[in-house]
């Protein structure tokens, strides 16, 4: 490391997973690293912010949907390198299951860094192919298995 390079430390990020019936709430990202791809709403955990609260906040900012974070579904690394091979960033991503708050479900509206927002069945998620964020299908499948009786 030279005098002009600062170390890149892992930071925390969250994904907010909301399921309404058989559908999942997804956003199409406006910003890198997944610009143009569909994935779960999410973003950075702010200093001093509990990760459940971060998931609820990011969900509201990106979709206008109010929900309560209820459980941790998955944790994984998101590591990206610059073209010259140096580490650009490293996030530890916490995928958090969230339940919409009563009384009535709201209509999602794209906001913050979301270009679009919509409800997708698991089959529709599978059909996204290269238009989907890397772990989207795996996380959706994990949630469905956890919520299936028996």
C-alpha atoms as a PDB file:
ATOM      1  CA  UNK A   1       0.000   0.000   0.000  1.00  0.00           C
ATOM      2  CA  UNK A   2       1.440   3.393  -0.933  1.00  0.00           C
ATOM      3  CA  UNK A   3       0.861   6.816   0.604  1.00  0.00           C
ATOM      4  CA  UNK A   4      -2.061   7.538  -1.766  1.00  0.00           C
ATOM      5  CA  UNK A   5      -3.932   4.320  -1.101  1.00  0.00           C
ATOM      6  CA  UNK A   6      -6.064   3.832   1.955  1.00  0.00           C
ATOM      7  CA  UNK A   7      -7.081   0.372   3.129  1.00  0.00           C
ATOM      8  CA  UNK A   8     -10.534  -0.887   2.235  1.00  0.00           C
ATOM      9  CA  UNK A   9     -12.290  -2.316   5.264  1.00  0.00           C
ATOM     10  CA  UNK A  10     -15.464  -4.379   5.126  1.00  0.00           C
ATOM     11  CA  UNK A  11     -18.647  -2.402   5.749  1.00  0.00           C
ATOM     12  CA  UNK A  12     -22.122  -3.665   6.543  1.00  0.00           C
ATOM     13  CA  UNK A  13     -25.004  -3.557   4.101  1.00  0.00           C
ATOM     14  CA  UNK A  14     -28.559  -4.882   4.270  1.00  0.00           C
ATOM     15  CA  UNK A  15     -31.169  -6.322   1.947  1.00  0.00           C
ATOM     16  CA  UNK A  16     -34.842  -6.080   2.920  1.00  0.00           C
ATOM     17  CA  UNK A  17     -36.819  -9.127   1.801  1.00  0.00           C
ATOM     18  CA  UNK A  18     -40.587  -8.592   1.703  1.00  0.00           C
ATOM     19  CA  UNK A  19     -42.988 -11.254   0.521  1.00  0.00           C
ATOM     20  CA  UNK A  20     -46.659 -10.599  -0.256  1.00  0.00           C
ATOM     21  CA  UNK A  21     -48.403 -13.905  -0.882  1.00  0.00           C
ATOM     22  CA  UNK A  22     -46.187 -15.729  -3.380  1.00  0.00           C
ATOM     23  CA  UNK A  23     -44.457 -12.572  -4.642  1.00  0.00           C
ATOM     24  CA  UNK A  24     -41.269 -10.780  -3.620  1.00  0.00           C
ATOM     25  CA  UNK A  25     -40.728  -7.019  -3.677  1.00  0.00           C
ATOM     26  CA  UNK A  26     -37.803  -6.111  -5.954  1.00  0.00           C
ATOM     27  CA  UNK A  27     -36.162  -2.928  -7.172  1.00  0.00           C
ATOM     28  CA  UNK A  28     -34.149  -2.260 -10.309  1.00  0.00           C
ATOM     29  CA  UNK A  29     -31.021  -0.517  -9.095  1.00  0.00           C
ATOM     30  CA  UNK A  30     -29.959   2.854 -10.457  1.00  0.00           C
ATOM     31  CA  UNK A  31     -26.407   2.855  -9.057  1.00  0.00           C
ATOM     32  CA  UNK A  32     -23.363   0.559  -9.153  1.00  0.00           C
ATOM     33  CA  UNK A  33     -22.374  -2.071  -8.467  1.00  0.00           C
ATOM     34  CA  UNK A  34     -25.690  -3.602  -9.599  1.00  0.00           C
ATOM     35  CA  UNK A  35     -26.993  -0.692 -11.704  1.00  0.00           C
ATOM     36  CA  UNK A  36     -29.775  -1.894 -14.001  1.00  0.00           C
ATOM     37  CA  UNK A  37     -30.203  -5.219 -12.192  1.00  0.00           C
ATOM     38  CA  UNK A  38     -33.215  -6.390 -10.208  1.00  0.00           C
ATOM     39  CA  UNK A  39     -32.691  -7.240  -6.559  1.00  0.00           C
ATOM     40  CA  UNK A  40     -34.014  -6.781  -3.072  1.00  0.00           C
ATOM     41  CA  UNK A  41     -34.131  -3.215  -1.714  1.00  0.00           C
ATOM     42  CA  UNK A  42     -31.150  -2.384   0.460  1.00  0.00           C
ATOM     43  CA  UNK A  43     -28.098  -0.326   1.175  1.00  0.00           C
ATOM     44  CA  UNK A  44     -25.519   0.665   3.748  1.00  0.00           C
ATOM     45  CA  UNK A  45     -25.878   0.299   7.493  1.00  0.00           C
ATOM     46  CA  UNK A  46     -25.153   3.712   9.006  1.00  0.00           C
ATOM     47  CA  UNK A  47     -22.851   4.124  12.006  1.00  0.00           C
ATOM     48  CA  UNK A  48     -24.686   3.240  15.220  1.00  0.00           C
ATOM     49  CA  UNK A  49     -27.718   1.916  13.335  1.00  0.00           C
ATOM     50  CA  UNK A  50     -28.941  -1.599  14.211  1.00  0.00           C
ATOM     51  CA  UNK A  51     -29.094  -3.700  11.047  1.00  0.00           C
ATOM     52  CA  UNK A  52     -32.819  -4.484  11.445  1.00  0.00           C
ATOM     53  CA  UNK A  53     -33.511  -0.739  11.550  1.00  0.00           C
ATOM     54  CA  UNK A  54     -31.265  -0.229   8.504  1.00  0.00           C
ATOM     55  CA  UNK A  55     -33.294  -2.789   6.524  1.00  0.00           C
ATOM     56  CA  UNK A  56     -36.558  -1.054   7.470  1.00  0.00           C
ATOM     57  CA  UNK A  57     -35.127   2.378   6.554  1.00  0.00           C
ATOM     58  CA  UNK A  58     -33.681   1.264   3.207  1.00  0.00           C
ATOM     59  CA  UNK A  59     -36.960  -0.459   2.319  1.00  0.00           C
ATOM     60  CA  UNK A  60     -38.916   2.725   3.038  1.00  0.00           C
ATOM     61  CA  UNK A  61     -36.431   4.933   1.129  1.00  0.00           C
ATOM     62  CA  UNK A  62     -36.420   2.722  -1.976  1.00  0.00           C
ATOM     63  CA  UNK A  63     -40.043   1.536  -2.123  1.00  0.00           C
ATOM     64  CA  UNK A  64     -42.187   3.607   0.310  1.00  0.00           C
ATOM     65  CA  UNK A  65     -43.236   0.317   1.937  1.00  0.00           C
ATOM     66  CA  UNK A  66     -43.306   0.203   5.743  1.00  0.00           C
ATOM     67  CA  UNK A  67     -42.303  -3.128   7.254  1.00  0.00           C
ATOM     68  CA  UNK A  68     -40.877  -4.648  10.403  1.00  0.00           C
ATOM     69  CA  UNK A  69     -37.618  -6.583  10.200  1.00  0.00           C
ATOM     70  CA  UNK A  70     -38.177 -10.000  11.750  1.00  0.00           C
ATOM     71  CA  UNK A  71     -35.249 -12.343  11.059  1.00  0.00           C
ATOM     72  CA  UNK A  72     -31.845 -12.721   9.484  1.00  0.00           C
ATOM     73  CA  UNK A  73     -32.024 -14.950   6.376  1.00  0.00           C
ATOM     74  CA  UNK A  74     -28.475 -14.911   4.986  1.00  0.00           C
ATOM     75  CA  UNK A  75     -25.084 -13.227   5.332  1.00  0.00           C
ATOM     76  CA  UNK A  76     -22.619 -13.041   2.466  1.00  0.00           C
ATOM     77  CA  UNK A  77     -19.648 -11.093   1.138  1.00  0.00           C
ATOM     78  CA  UNK A  78     -19.898  -8.613  -1.726  1.00  0.00           C
ATOM     79  CA  UNK A  79     -16.328  -7.994  -2.880  1.00  0.00           C
ATOM     80  CA  UNK A  80     -15.556  -5.914  -5.969  1.00  0.00           C
ATOM     81  CA  UNK A  81     -12.243  -5.094  -7.614  1.00  0.00           C
ATOM     82  CA  UNK A  82     -11.185  -2.169  -9.794  1.00  0.00           C
ATOM     83  CA  UNK A  83      -9.978  -2.897 -13.343  1.00  0.00           C
ATOM     84  CA  UNK A  84      -6.363  -2.741 -12.106  1.00  0.00           C
ATOM     85  CA  UNK A  85      -7.071  -5.545  -9.628  1.00  0.00           C
ATOM     86  CA  UNK A  86      -7.115  -3.433  -6.472  1.00  0.00           C
ATOM     87  CA  UNK A  87      -9.930  -3.911  -3.987  1.00  0.00           C
ATOM     88  CA  UNK A  88     -12.663  -1.346  -4.699  1.00  0.00           C
ATOM     89  CA  UNK A  89     -15.003  -2.278  -1.854  1.00  0.00           C
ATOM     90  CA  UNK A  90     -16.040  -5.090   0.443  1.00  0.00           C
ATOM     91  CA  UNK A  91     -19.456  -5.328   2.048  1.00  0.00           C
ATOM     92  CA  UNK A  92     -20.856  -7.926   4.425  1.00  0.00           C
ATOM     93  CA  UNK A  93     -24.476  -8.144   3.301  1.00  0.00           C
ATOM     94  CA  UNK A  94     -27.165  -9.113   5.805  1.00  0.00           C
ATOM     95  CA  UNK A  95     -30.370 -10.326   4.143  1.00  0.00           C
ATOM     96  CA  UNK A  96     -33.265  -9.501   6.483  1.00  0.00           C
ATOM     97  CA  UNK A  97     -36.810 -10.801   6.232  1.00  0.00           C
ATOM     98  CA  UNK A  98     -39.354  -8.013   6.742  1.00  0.00           C
ATOM     99  CA  UNK A  99     -43.129  -8.179   7.293  1.00  0.00           C
ATOM    100  CA  UNK A 100     -45.367  -5.393   5.998  1.00  0.00           C
ATOM    101  CA  UNK A 101     -47.023  -3.337   8.698  1.00  0.00           C
ATOM    102  CA  UNK A 102     -50.820  -3.261   8.985  1.00  0.00           C
ATOM    103  CA  UNK A 103     -53.416  -2.005   8.244  1.00  0.00           C
ATOM    104  CA  UNK A 104     -53.425  -2.417   4.461  1.00  0.00           C
ATOM    105  CA  UNK A 105     -50.512  -3.205   2.175  1.00  0.00           C
ATOM    106  CA  UNK A 106     -49.173  -0.124   0.466  1.00  0.00           C
ATOM    107  CA  UNK A 107     -48.350   0.376  -3.178  1.00  0.00           C
ATOM    108  CA  UNK A 108     -44.597   0.471  -3.748  1.00  0.00           C
ATOM    109  CA  UNK A 109     -43.110   3.572  -5.361  1.00  0.00           C
ATOM    110  CA  UNK A 110     -39.524   3.660  -6.643  1.00  0.00           C
ATOM    111  CA  UNK A 111     -37.395   6.116  -4.722  1.00  0.00           C
ATOM    112  CA  UNK A 112     -33.821   6.801  -3.609  1.00  0.00           C
ATOM    113  CA  UNK A 113     -31.565   4.696  -5.870  1.00  0.00           C
ATOM    114  CA  UNK A 114     -34.330   2.493  -7.323  1.00  0.00           C
ATOM    115  CA  UNK A 115     -35.245   2.964 -10.997  1.00  0.00           C
ATOM    116  CA  UNK A 116     -38.277   0.690 -10.789  1.00  0.00           C
ATOM    117  CA  UNK A 117     -40.069  -1.372  -8.180  1.00  0.00           C
ATOM    118  CA  UNK A 118     -42.373  -4.346  -8.552  1.00  0.00           C
ATOM    119  CA  UNK A 119     -43.679  -7.643  -7.223  1.00  0.00           C
ATOM    120  CA  UNK A 120     -42.149 -10.818  -8.712  1.00  0.00           C
ATOM    121  CA  UNK A 121     -43.066 -14.469  -8.316  1.00  0.00           C
ATOM    122  CA  UNK A 122     -40.236 -16.956  -7.881  1.00  0.00           C
ATOM    123  CA  UNK A 123     -40.756 -18.093 -11.494  1.00  0.00           C
ATOM    124  CA  UNK A 124     -40.465 -14.479 -12.694  1.00  0.00           C
ATOM    125  CA  UNK A 125     -37.264 -14.106 -10.626  1.00  0.00           C
ATOM    126  CA  UNK A 126     -35.841 -17.199 -12.334  1.00  0.00           C
ATOM    127  CA  UNK A 127     -36.717 -15.709 -15.735  1.00  0.00           C
ATOM    128  CA  UNK A 128     -34.702 -12.537 -15.013  1.00  0.00           C
ATOM    129  CA  UNK A 129     -31.465 -14.402 -15.735  1.00  0.00           C
ATOM    130  CA  UNK A 130     -28.626 -11.862 -16.194  1.00  0.00           C
ATOM    131  CA  UNK A 131     -30.975  -9.006 -15.229  1.00  0.00           C
ATOM    132  CA  UNK A 132     -30.953 -10.264 -11.606  1.00  0.00           C
ATOM    133  CA  UNK A 133     -28.506  -9.511  -8.808  1.00  0.00           C
ATOM    134  CA  UNK A 134     -26.180 -12.392  -8.003  1.00  0.00           C
ATOM    135  CA  UNK A 135     -27.892 -13.982  -4.964  1.00  0.00           C
ATOM    136  CA  UNK A 136     -31.486 -12.973  -5.727  1.00  0.00           C
ATOM    137  CA  UNK A 137     -32.708 -16.429  -6.735  1.00  0.00           C
ATOM    138  CA  UNK A 138     -30.892 -18.193  -3.865  1.00  0.00           C
ATOM    139  CA  UNK A 139     -32.305 -15.827  -1.214  1.00  0.00           C
ATOM    140  CA  UNK A 140     -35.850 -16.073  -2.599  1.00  0.00           C
ATOM    141  CA  UNK A 141     -35.592 -19.853  -2.574  1.00  0.00           C
ATOM    142  CA  UNK A 142     -34.270 -19.809   1.014  1.00  0.00           C
ATOM    143  CA  UNK A 143     -37.216 -17.676   2.156  1.00  0.00           C
ATOM    144  CA  UNK A 144     -39.752 -19.907   0.412  1.00  0.00           C
ATOM    145  CA  UNK A 145     -38.274 -23.028   1.994  1.00  0.00           C
ATOM    146  CA  UNK A 146     -38.259 -21.432   5.453  1.00  0.00           C
ATOM    147  CA  UNK A 147     -41.902 -20.348   5.089  1.00  0.00           C
ATOM    148  CA  UNK A 148     -43.185 -23.671   3.745  1.00  0.00           C
ATOM    149  CA  UNK A 149     -44.868 -25.782   6.419  1.00  0.00           C
ATOM    150  CA  UNK A 150     -43.367 -28.981   7.156  1.00  0.00           C
END
